[in-house]
């Protein structure tokens, strides 16, 4: 799991998390059996991974807001329109 605020002085903020709407067969937020950063431990059933902007936008770590790629929208860029590529 990731803290909302991070950085050496905790001035940076993660963006909203979500599952990538383009990968229907995989839930990127499911951390079951995923090796933790640093290689120590694996996720247990029910653990969630943090995925900034659902992998469909760019996170502004100063504001904690997503700038969604064309065709994606929502606070976590987790919704897709017909314009999505």
C-alpha atoms as a PDB file:
ATOM      1  CA  UNK A   1       0.000   0.000   0.000  1.00  0.00           C
ATOM      2  CA  UNK A   2       1.074   3.551  -0.673  1.00  0.00           C
ATOM      3  CA  UNK A   3       0.651   6.608   1.537  1.00  0.00           C
ATOM      4  CA  UNK A   4      -1.280   9.512   0.001  1.00  0.00           C
ATOM      5  CA  UNK A   5       1.520  11.979   0.817  1.00  0.00           C
ATOM      6  CA  UNK A   6       5.137  11.078   0.037  1.00  0.00           C
ATOM      7  CA  UNK A   7       8.582  12.477  -0.745  1.00  0.00           C
ATOM      8  CA  UNK A   8      11.381  13.466   1.598  1.00  0.00           C
ATOM      9  CA  UNK A   9       9.221  16.205   3.135  1.00  0.00           C
ATOM     10  CA  UNK A  10       5.788  14.652   2.421  1.00  0.00           C
ATOM     11  CA  UNK A  11       4.936  17.476   0.022  1.00  0.00           C
ATOM     12  CA  UNK A  12       4.020  15.224  -2.917  1.00  0.00           C
ATOM     13  CA  UNK A  13       0.599  13.638  -3.276  1.00  0.00           C
ATOM     14  CA  UNK A  14      -0.461  10.489  -5.111  1.00  0.00           C
ATOM     15  CA  UNK A  15      -3.334  10.775  -7.547  1.00  0.00           C
ATOM     16  CA  UNK A  16      -6.566   8.775  -7.306  1.00  0.00           C
ATOM     17  CA  UNK A  17      -6.093   5.077  -8.013  1.00  0.00           C
ATOM     18  CA  UNK A  18      -8.096   2.803 -10.269  1.00  0.00           C
ATOM     19  CA  UNK A  19      -8.134  -0.238 -12.498  1.00  0.00           C
ATOM     20  CA  UNK A  20      -7.029   0.308 -16.117  1.00  0.00           C
ATOM     21  CA  UNK A  21     -10.226   0.309 -18.235  1.00  0.00           C
ATOM     22  CA  UNK A  22      -8.360  -1.123 -21.262  1.00  0.00           C
ATOM     23  CA  UNK A  23      -7.255  -4.340 -19.563  1.00  0.00           C
ATOM     24  CA  UNK A  24     -10.515  -6.104 -18.864  1.00  0.00           C
ATOM     25  CA  UNK A  25      -8.880  -9.459 -18.092  1.00  0.00           C
ATOM     26  CA  UNK A  26      -6.569  -8.009 -15.403  1.00  0.00           C
ATOM     27  CA  UNK A  27      -7.199  -5.903 -12.320  1.00  0.00           C
ATOM     28  CA  UNK A  28      -4.061  -3.826 -11.732  1.00  0.00           C
ATOM     29  CA  UNK A  29      -5.286  -2.880  -8.264  1.00  0.00           C
ATOM     30  CA  UNK A  30      -5.221  -6.523  -7.108  1.00  0.00           C
ATOM     31  CA  UNK A  31      -1.926  -7.034  -5.260  1.00  0.00           C
ATOM     32  CA  UNK A  32      -2.435 -10.693  -4.368  1.00  0.00           C
ATOM     33  CA  UNK A  33       0.938 -12.439  -4.852  1.00  0.00           C
ATOM     34  CA  UNK A  34       2.616  -9.230  -6.110  1.00  0.00           C
ATOM     35  CA  UNK A  35       6.135  -8.772  -4.736  1.00  0.00           C
ATOM     36  CA  UNK A  36       6.485  -5.604  -2.667  1.00  0.00           C
ATOM     37  CA  UNK A  37       8.929  -2.845  -3.582  1.00  0.00           C
ATOM     38  CA  UNK A  38      12.370  -3.845  -2.384  1.00  0.00           C
ATOM     39  CA  UNK A  39      11.541  -7.533  -2.834  1.00  0.00           C
ATOM     40  CA  UNK A  40      10.387  -8.174   0.715  1.00  0.00           C
ATOM     41  CA  UNK A  41       7.010  -9.861   1.045  1.00  0.00           C
ATOM     42  CA  UNK A  42       4.104 -10.470  -1.286  1.00  0.00           C
ATOM     43  CA  UNK A  43       0.565  -9.174  -1.275  1.00  0.00           C
ATOM     44  CA  UNK A  44      -2.080 -11.191   0.513  1.00  0.00           C
ATOM     45  CA  UNK A  45      -5.592 -11.835  -0.759  1.00  0.00           C
ATOM     46  CA  UNK A  46      -7.512  -8.548  -0.590  1.00  0.00           C
ATOM     47  CA  UNK A  47      -4.441  -6.260  -0.684  1.00  0.00           C
ATOM     48  CA  UNK A  48      -4.746  -3.379  -3.140  1.00  0.00           C
ATOM     49  CA  UNK A  49      -2.006  -1.857  -5.301  1.00  0.00           C
ATOM     50  CA  UNK A  50      -1.976   1.873  -5.968  1.00  0.00           C
ATOM     51  CA  UNK A  51      -2.275   2.684  -9.690  1.00  0.00           C
ATOM     52  CA  UNK A  52      -2.047   6.444 -10.291  1.00  0.00           C
ATOM     53  CA  UNK A  53      -4.683   7.628 -12.768  1.00  0.00           C
ATOM     54  CA  UNK A  54      -5.608   4.028 -13.726  1.00  0.00           C
ATOM     55  CA  UNK A  55      -2.541   4.000 -16.032  1.00  0.00           C
ATOM     56  CA  UNK A  56      -4.599   6.232 -18.389  1.00  0.00           C
ATOM     57  CA  UNK A  57      -3.373   9.654 -17.365  1.00  0.00           C
ATOM     58  CA  UNK A  58      -0.447  11.553 -15.946  1.00  0.00           C
ATOM     59  CA  UNK A  59      -0.333  12.386 -12.253  1.00  0.00           C
ATOM     60  CA  UNK A  60       0.591  15.872 -11.098  1.00  0.00           C
ATOM     61  CA  UNK A  61       2.268  14.979  -7.808  1.00  0.00           C
ATOM     62  CA  UNK A  62       2.148  18.599  -6.631  1.00  0.00           C
ATOM     63  CA  UNK A  63      -1.660  18.788  -6.814  1.00  0.00           C
ATOM     64  CA  UNK A  64      -2.574  15.095  -6.623  1.00  0.00           C
ATOM     65  CA  UNK A  65      -4.751  15.440  -9.726  1.00  0.00           C
ATOM     66  CA  UNK A  66      -4.761  13.398 -12.923  1.00  0.00           C
ATOM     67  CA  UNK A  67      -4.496  14.794 -16.437  1.00  0.00           C
ATOM     68  CA  UNK A  68      -6.274  12.096 -18.428  1.00  0.00           C
ATOM     69  CA  UNK A  69      -5.139  10.948 -21.854  1.00  0.00           C
ATOM     70  CA  UNK A  70      -7.494  11.621 -24.769  1.00  0.00           C
ATOM     71  CA  UNK A  71     -10.643   9.535 -24.469  1.00  0.00           C
ATOM     72  CA  UNK A  72     -10.369   8.906 -20.721  1.00  0.00           C
ATOM     73  CA  UNK A  73     -12.065  10.878 -17.982  1.00  0.00           C
ATOM     74  CA  UNK A  74     -12.957  10.932 -14.305  1.00  0.00           C
ATOM     75  CA  UNK A  75     -10.917  11.861 -11.251  1.00  0.00           C
ATOM     76  CA  UNK A  76      -8.845   8.668 -11.706  1.00  0.00           C
ATOM     77  CA  UNK A  77      -9.122   8.483 -15.547  1.00  0.00           C
ATOM     78  CA  UNK A  78     -10.937   5.173 -15.072  1.00  0.00           C
ATOM     79  CA  UNK A  79     -13.784   5.914 -17.503  1.00  0.00           C
ATOM     80  CA  UNK A  80     -13.402   5.550 -21.258  1.00  0.00           C
ATOM     81  CA  UNK A  81     -15.171   7.299 -24.129  1.00  0.00           C
ATOM     82  CA  UNK A  82     -15.324   6.473 -27.845  1.00  0.00           C
ATOM     83  CA  UNK A  83     -12.293   8.745 -28.366  1.00  0.00           C
ATOM     84  CA  UNK A  84     -10.011   6.411 -26.419  1.00  0.00           C
ATOM     85  CA  UNK A  85      -7.112   4.948 -28.391  1.00  0.00           C
END
